[in-house]
PDB file of N, CA and C in Angstrom:
ATOM      1  N   UNK A   1      68.498 111.076 212.371  1.00  0.00           N
ATOM      2  CA  UNK A   1      68.483 111.374 210.902  1.00  0.00           C
ATOM      3  C   UNK A   1      69.889 111.373 210.217  1.00  0.00           C
ATOM      4  N   UNK A   2      70.450 110.808 209.593  1.00  0.00           N
ATOM      5  CA  UNK A   2      71.979 110.721 208.807  1.00  0.00           C
ATOM      6  C   UNK A   2      71.673 112.002 207.889  1.00  0.00           C
ATOM      7  N   UNK A   3      72.556 112.481 207.835  1.00  0.00           N
ATOM      8  CA  UNK A   3      72.957 114.365 207.007  1.00  0.00           C
ATOM      9  C   UNK A   3      72.586 113.578 205.710  1.00  0.00           C
ATOM     10  N   UNK A   4      72.208 114.352 204.694  1.00  0.00           N
ATOM     11  CA  UNK A   4      72.106 113.781 203.107  1.00  0.00           C
ATOM     12  C   UNK A   4      73.534 114.684 202.585  1.00  0.00           C
ATOM     13  N   UNK A   5      74.251 114.149 201.636  1.00  0.00           N
ATOM     14  CA  UNK A   5      74.944 114.563 201.173  1.00  0.00           C
ATOM     15  C   UNK A   5      74.555 115.644 199.839  1.00  0.00           C
ATOM     16  N   UNK A   6      75.366 116.832 199.401  1.00  0.00           N
ATOM     17  CA  UNK A   6      74.933 117.614 198.518  1.00  0.00           C
ATOM     18  C   UNK A   6      74.229 116.983 197.347  1.00  0.00           C
ATOM     19  N   UNK A   7      74.473 116.189 196.859  1.00  0.00           N
ATOM     20  CA  UNK A   7      73.885 115.251 195.711  1.00  0.00           C
ATOM     21  C   UNK A   7      72.873 114.798 195.896  1.00  0.00           C
ATOM     22  N   UNK A   8      72.649 114.390 197.233  1.00  0.00           N
ATOM     23  CA  UNK A   8      71.629 113.576 197.751  1.00  0.00           C
ATOM     24  C   UNK A   8      70.444 114.552 197.681  1.00  0.00           C
ATOM     25  N   UNK A   9      70.503 115.326 198.401  1.00  0.00           N
ATOM     26  CA  UNK A   9      70.000 116.921 198.475  1.00  0.00           C
ATOM     27  C   UNK A   9      69.693 117.434 196.819  1.00  0.00           C
ATOM     28  N   UNK A  10      70.365 117.455 195.849  1.00  0.00           N
ATOM     29  CA  UNK A  10      69.723 117.900 194.478  1.00  0.00           C
ATOM     30  C   UNK A  10      68.851 116.726 194.098  1.00  0.00           C
ATOM     31  N   UNK A  11      69.211 115.409 193.921  1.00  0.00           N
ATOM     32  CA  UNK A  11      68.026 114.330 193.493  1.00  0.00           C
ATOM     33  C   UNK A  11      67.240 114.508 194.383  1.00  0.00           C
ATOM     34  N   UNK A  12      67.093 114.609 195.786  1.00  0.00           N
ATOM     35  CA  UNK A  12      65.766 114.821 196.157  1.00  0.00           C
ATOM     36  C   UNK A  12      65.239 115.914 195.695  1.00  0.00           C
ATOM     37  N   UNK A  13      65.749 116.803 195.831  1.00  0.00           N
ATOM     38  CA  UNK A  13      64.621 118.300 194.904  1.00  0.00           C
ATOM     39  C   UNK A  13      63.825 117.927 193.651  1.00  0.00           C
ATOM     40  N   UNK A  14      64.790 117.327 192.904  1.00  0.00           N
ATOM     41  CA  UNK A  14      64.149 116.888 191.448  1.00  0.00           C
ATOM     42  C   UNK A  14      63.395 115.703 191.989  1.00  0.00           C
ATOM     43  N   UNK A  15      63.451 114.913 192.678  1.00  0.00           N
ATOM     44  CA  UNK A  15      62.398 113.766 192.835  1.00  0.00           C
ATOM     45  C   UNK A  15      61.081 114.471 193.610  1.00  0.00           C
ATOM     46  N   UNK A  16      61.200 115.415 194.458  1.00  0.00           N
ATOM     47  CA  UNK A  16      60.047 116.164 194.690  1.00  0.00           C
ATOM     48  C   UNK A  16      59.290 116.823 193.531  1.00  0.00           C
ATOM     49  N   UNK A  17      59.938 117.207 192.768  1.00  0.00           N
ATOM     50  CA  UNK A  17      59.176 117.776 191.971  1.00  0.00           C
ATOM     51  C   UNK A  17      58.851 116.942 190.595  1.00  0.00           C
ATOM     52  N   UNK A  18      58.889 115.774 191.032  1.00  0.00           N
ATOM     53  CA  UNK A  18      57.998 114.556 190.117  1.00  0.00           C
ATOM     54  C   UNK A  18      58.753 113.726 188.996  1.00  0.00           C
ATOM     55  N   UNK A  19      60.337 114.169 188.952  1.00  0.00           N
ATOM     56  CA  UNK A  19      61.211 113.627 187.783  1.00  0.00           C
ATOM     57  C   UNK A  19      61.102 111.945 188.602  1.00  0.00           C
ATOM     58  N   UNK A  20      61.508 111.315 187.376  1.00  0.00           N
ATOM     59  CA  UNK A  20      61.787 110.020 187.380  1.00  0.00           C
ATOM     60  C   UNK A  20      63.184 109.744 186.961  1.00  0.00           C
ATOM     61  N   UNK A  21      63.736 108.661 187.733  1.00  0.00           N
ATOM     62  CA  UNK A  21      65.293 108.553 187.519  1.00  0.00           C
ATOM     63  C   UNK A  21      65.917 108.756 186.340  1.00  0.00           C
ATOM     64  N   UNK A  22      65.405 108.388 184.945  1.00  0.00           N
ATOM     65  CA  UNK A  22      65.853 109.266 183.795  1.00  0.00           C
ATOM     66  C   UNK A  22      65.641 110.252 183.830  1.00  0.00           C
ATOM     67  N   UNK A  23      64.991 111.065 183.909  1.00  0.00           N
ATOM     68  CA  UNK A  23      65.141 112.293 183.856  1.00  0.00           C
ATOM     69  C   UNK A  23      66.098 113.225 185.123  1.00  0.00           C
ATOM     70  N   UNK A  24      66.099 112.377 186.100  1.00  0.00           N
ATOM     71  CA  UNK A  24      66.892 112.724 186.982  1.00  0.00           C
ATOM     72  C   UNK A  24      68.827 112.763 186.443  1.00  0.00           C
ATOM     73  N   UNK A  25      68.546 111.869 185.750  1.00  0.00           N
ATOM     74  CA  UNK A  25      69.889 111.195 185.336  1.00  0.00           C
ATOM     75  C   UNK A  25      70.389 112.193 184.170  1.00  0.00           C
ATOM     76  N   UNK A  26      69.552 112.450 183.672  1.00  0.00           N
ATOM     77  CA  UNK A  26      69.937 113.524 182.395  1.00  0.00           C
ATOM     78  C   UNK A  26      70.125 114.979 183.137  1.00  0.00           C
ATOM     79  N   UNK A  27      69.317 115.531 184.071  1.00  0.00           N
ATOM     80  CA  UNK A  27      69.559 116.809 184.488  1.00  0.00           C
ATOM     81  C   UNK A  27      70.633 116.728 185.338  1.00  0.00           C
ATOM     82  N   UNK A  28      71.059 115.772 186.351  1.00  0.00           N
ATOM     83  CA  UNK A  28      72.180 115.747 186.986  1.00  0.00           C
ATOM     84  C   UNK A  28      73.560 114.842 186.036  1.00  0.00           C
ATOM     85  N   UNK A  29      73.415 114.779 184.899  1.00  0.00           N
ATOM     86  CA  UNK A  29      74.714 114.346 184.287  1.00  0.00           C
ATOM     87  C   UNK A  29      75.618 112.790 184.688  1.00  0.00           C
ATOM     88  N   UNK A  30      74.613 112.059 185.537  1.00  0.00           N
ATOM     89  CA  UNK A  30      75.311 110.781 185.762  1.00  0.00           C
ATOM     90  C   UNK A  30      74.070 109.773 185.394  1.00  0.00           C
ATOM     91  N   UNK A  31      74.585 108.475 185.959  1.00  0.00           N
ATOM     92  CA  UNK A  31      74.022 107.206 184.974  1.00  0.00           C
ATOM     93  C   UNK A  31      72.565 106.953 185.933  1.00  0.00           C
ATOM     94  N   UNK A  32      71.754 106.284 185.307  1.00  0.00           N
ATOM     95  CA  UNK A  32      70.518 106.017 186.201  1.00  0.00           C
ATOM     96  C   UNK A  32      71.052 105.483 187.104  1.00  0.00           C
ATOM     97  N   UNK A  33      72.065 104.643 187.314  1.00  0.00           N
ATOM     98  CA  UNK A  33      72.350 103.211 187.864  1.00  0.00           C
ATOM     99  C   UNK A  33      72.826 104.562 189.189  1.00  0.00           C
ATOM    100  N   UNK A  34      73.661 105.252 189.168  1.00  0.00           N
ATOM    101  CA  UNK A  34      73.968 106.182 190.027  1.00  0.00           C
ATOM    102  C   UNK A  34      72.710 107.099 190.819  1.00  0.00           C
ATOM    103  N   UNK A  35      71.738 107.221 190.001  1.00  0.00           N
ATOM    104  CA  UNK A  35      70.634 107.771 190.482  1.00  0.00           C
ATOM    105  C   UNK A  35      69.813 106.913 191.497  1.00  0.00           C
ATOM    106  N   UNK A  36      69.925 105.637 190.994  1.00  0.00           N
ATOM    107  CA  UNK A  36      69.238 104.610 192.044  1.00  0.00           C
ATOM    108  C   UNK A  36      69.592 104.502 193.069  1.00  0.00           C
ATOM    109  N   UNK A  37      71.248 104.878 193.268  1.00  0.00           N
ATOM    110  CA  UNK A  37      72.290 104.685 194.577  1.00  0.00           C
ATOM    111  C   UNK A  37      71.654 105.889 195.112  1.00  0.00           C
ATOM    112  N   UNK A  38      71.323 107.078 194.515  1.00  0.00           N
ATOM    113  CA  UNK A  38      71.312 108.171 195.615  1.00  0.00           C
ATOM    114  C   UNK A  38      69.842 108.376 196.084  1.00  0.00           C
ATOM    115  N   UNK A  39      68.781 107.337 195.561  1.00  0.00           N
ATOM    116  CA  UNK A  39      67.778 107.319 195.901  1.00  0.00           C
ATOM    117  C   UNK A  39      67.316 106.467 196.902  1.00  0.00           C
ATOM    118  N   UNK A  40      67.973 105.459 196.876  1.00  0.00           N
ATOM    119  CA  UNK A  40      67.738 104.321 197.809  1.00  0.00           C
ATOM    120  C   UNK A  40      68.619 105.142 199.118  1.00  0.00           C
ATOM    121  N   UNK A  41      69.702 105.459 199.054  1.00  0.00           N
ATOM    122  CA  UNK A  41      70.140 106.295 199.903  1.00  0.00           C
ATOM    123  C   UNK A  41      69.435 107.334 200.783  1.00  0.00           C
ATOM    124  N   UNK A  42      69.138 108.196 199.932  1.00  0.00           N
ATOM    125  CA  UNK A  42      67.668 108.909 200.568  1.00  0.00           C
ATOM    126  C   UNK A  42      66.867 108.220 201.318  1.00  0.00           C
ATOM    127  N   UNK A  43      66.233 106.994 200.791  1.00  0.00           N
ATOM    128  CA  UNK A  43      65.167 106.574 201.384  1.00  0.00           C
ATOM    129  C   UNK A  43      65.553 105.914 202.724  1.00  0.00           C
ATOM    130  N   UNK A  44      66.816 105.464 203.105  1.00  0.00           N
ATOM    131  CA  UNK A  44      67.380 104.722 203.836  1.00  0.00           C
ATOM    132  C   UNK A  44      67.566 105.906 204.916  1.00  0.00           C
ATOM    133  N   UNK A  45      68.097 107.104 204.715  1.00  0.00           N
ATOM    134  CA  UNK A  45      68.660 107.993 205.438  1.00  0.00           C
ATOM    135  C   UNK A  45      67.259 108.729 206.084  1.00  0.00           C
ATOM    136  N   UNK A  46      66.060 108.990 205.343  1.00  0.00           N
ATOM    137  CA  UNK A  46      64.889 109.534 206.089  1.00  0.00           C
ATOM    138  C   UNK A  46      63.894 108.776 206.282  1.00  0.00           C
ATOM    139  N   UNK A  47      64.126 107.083 206.090  1.00  0.00           N
ATOM    140  CA  UNK A  47      63.386 105.948 206.769  1.00  0.00           C
ATOM    141  C   UNK A  47      62.096 106.235 205.692  1.00  0.00           C
ATOM    142  N   UNK A  48      62.255 106.096 204.514  1.00  0.00           N
ATOM    143  CA  UNK A  48      61.210 106.275 203.799  1.00  0.00           C
ATOM    144  C   UNK A  48      60.800 105.075 203.194  1.00  0.00           C
ATOM    145  N   UNK A  49      59.494 104.954 202.276  1.00  0.00           N
ATOM    146  CA  UNK A  49      59.568 103.549 201.989  1.00  0.00           C
ATOM    147  C   UNK A  49      58.991 103.799 200.122  1.00  0.00           C
ATOM    148  N   UNK A  50      59.157 105.198 200.184  1.00  0.00           N
ATOM    149  CA  UNK A  50      59.252 105.133 198.441  1.00  0.00           C
ATOM    150  C   UNK A  50      59.477 106.686 197.944  1.00  0.00           C
ATOM    151  N   UNK A  51      59.134 106.720 197.027  1.00  0.00           N
ATOM    152  CA  UNK A  51      59.177 108.683 196.549  1.00  0.00           C
ATOM    153  C   UNK A  51      58.261 109.332 197.330  1.00  0.00           C
ATOM    154  N   UNK A  52      56.921 109.192 197.278  1.00  0.00           N
ATOM    155  CA  UNK A  52      56.240 109.953 197.561  1.00  0.00           C
ATOM    156  C   UNK A  52      56.140 110.109 199.576  1.00  0.00           C
ATOM    157  N   UNK A  53      56.561 108.942 200.203  1.00  0.00           N
ATOM    158  CA  UNK A  53      57.063 109.333 201.271  1.00  0.00           C
ATOM    159  C   UNK A  53      58.504 110.300 201.622  1.00  0.00           C
ATOM    160  N   UNK A  54      59.148 109.672 200.874  1.00  0.00           N
ATOM    161  CA  UNK A  54      60.757 110.759 200.934  1.00  0.00           C
ATOM    162  C   UNK A  54      60.325 112.119 200.636  1.00  0.00           C
ATOM    163  N   UNK A  55      59.426 112.426 199.715  1.00  0.00           N
ATOM    164  CA  UNK A  55      59.185 113.808 199.349  1.00  0.00           C
ATOM    165  C   UNK A  55      58.407 114.381 200.699  1.00  0.00           C
ATOM    166  N   UNK A  56      57.379 113.613 200.786  1.00  0.00           N
ATOM    167  CA  UNK A  56      56.978 114.542 201.995  1.00  0.00           C
ATOM    168  C   UNK A  56      57.698 114.498 203.287  1.00  0.00           C
ATOM    169  N   UNK A  57      58.526 113.622 203.703  1.00  0.00           N
ATOM    170  CA  UNK A  57      59.367 113.877 204.825  1.00  0.00           C
ATOM    171  C   UNK A  57      60.277 115.201 204.281  1.00  0.00           C
ATOM    172  N   UNK A  58      60.724 115.114 203.443  1.00  0.00           N
ATOM    173  CA  UNK A  58      61.983 116.300 203.349  1.00  0.00           C
ATOM    174  C   UNK A  58      61.182 117.550 203.195  1.00  0.00           C
ATOM    175  N   UNK A  59      59.676 117.512 202.574  1.00  0.00           N
ATOM    176  CA  UNK A  59      59.276 118.923 202.462  1.00  0.00           C
ATOM    177  C   UNK A  59      58.922 119.229 204.171  1.00  0.00           C
ATOM    178  N   UNK A  60      58.715 118.171 204.752  1.00  0.00           N
ATOM    179  CA  UNK A  60      58.202 118.455 206.520  1.00  0.00           C
ATOM    180  C   UNK A  60      59.383 119.048 207.274  1.00  0.00           C
ATOM    181  N   UNK A  61      60.561 118.472 206.963  1.00  0.00           N
ATOM    182  CA  UNK A  61      61.773 118.538 207.379  1.00  0.00           C
ATOM    183  C   UNK A  61      62.637 120.065 206.951  1.00  0.00           C
ATOM    184  N   UNK A  62      62.146 120.380 205.719  1.00  0.00           N
ATOM    185  CA  UNK A  62      62.414 121.380 205.025  1.00  0.00           C
ATOM    186  C   UNK A  62      63.892 121.708 204.193  1.00  0.00           C
ATOM    187  N   UNK A  63      64.076 120.201 203.897  1.00  0.00           N
ATOM    188  CA  UNK A  63      65.280 120.121 203.107  1.00  0.00           C
ATOM    189  C   UNK A  63      64.982 120.413 201.716  1.00  0.00           C
ATOM    190  N   UNK A  64      63.759 120.467 201.364  1.00  0.00           N
ATOM    191  CA  UNK A  64      63.601 121.020 199.908  1.00  0.00           C
ATOM    192  C   UNK A  64      62.679 122.033 200.160  1.00  0.00           C
TER     193      UNK A  64
END
C-alpha cells in the first residue's frame, strides 16, 4: 500500500465519520474539487471501490 499524505489521512478520518464531500471541504477549508481528488487518491492507495470499503480498510489497518 502506498502511504497516505497527512491531508489524505485527515480526509479519510472525516470520511469514516460519515461526512460528505461538501462537509469535508468546509471542515478542511478546501474546495469540493480538492476533496474529490483526495478521496480518489485514497481509494486508489487503499484499493477501495467506495467510501464504505475505504473506511473499513482504514479501520482494519489502524489508519483512523
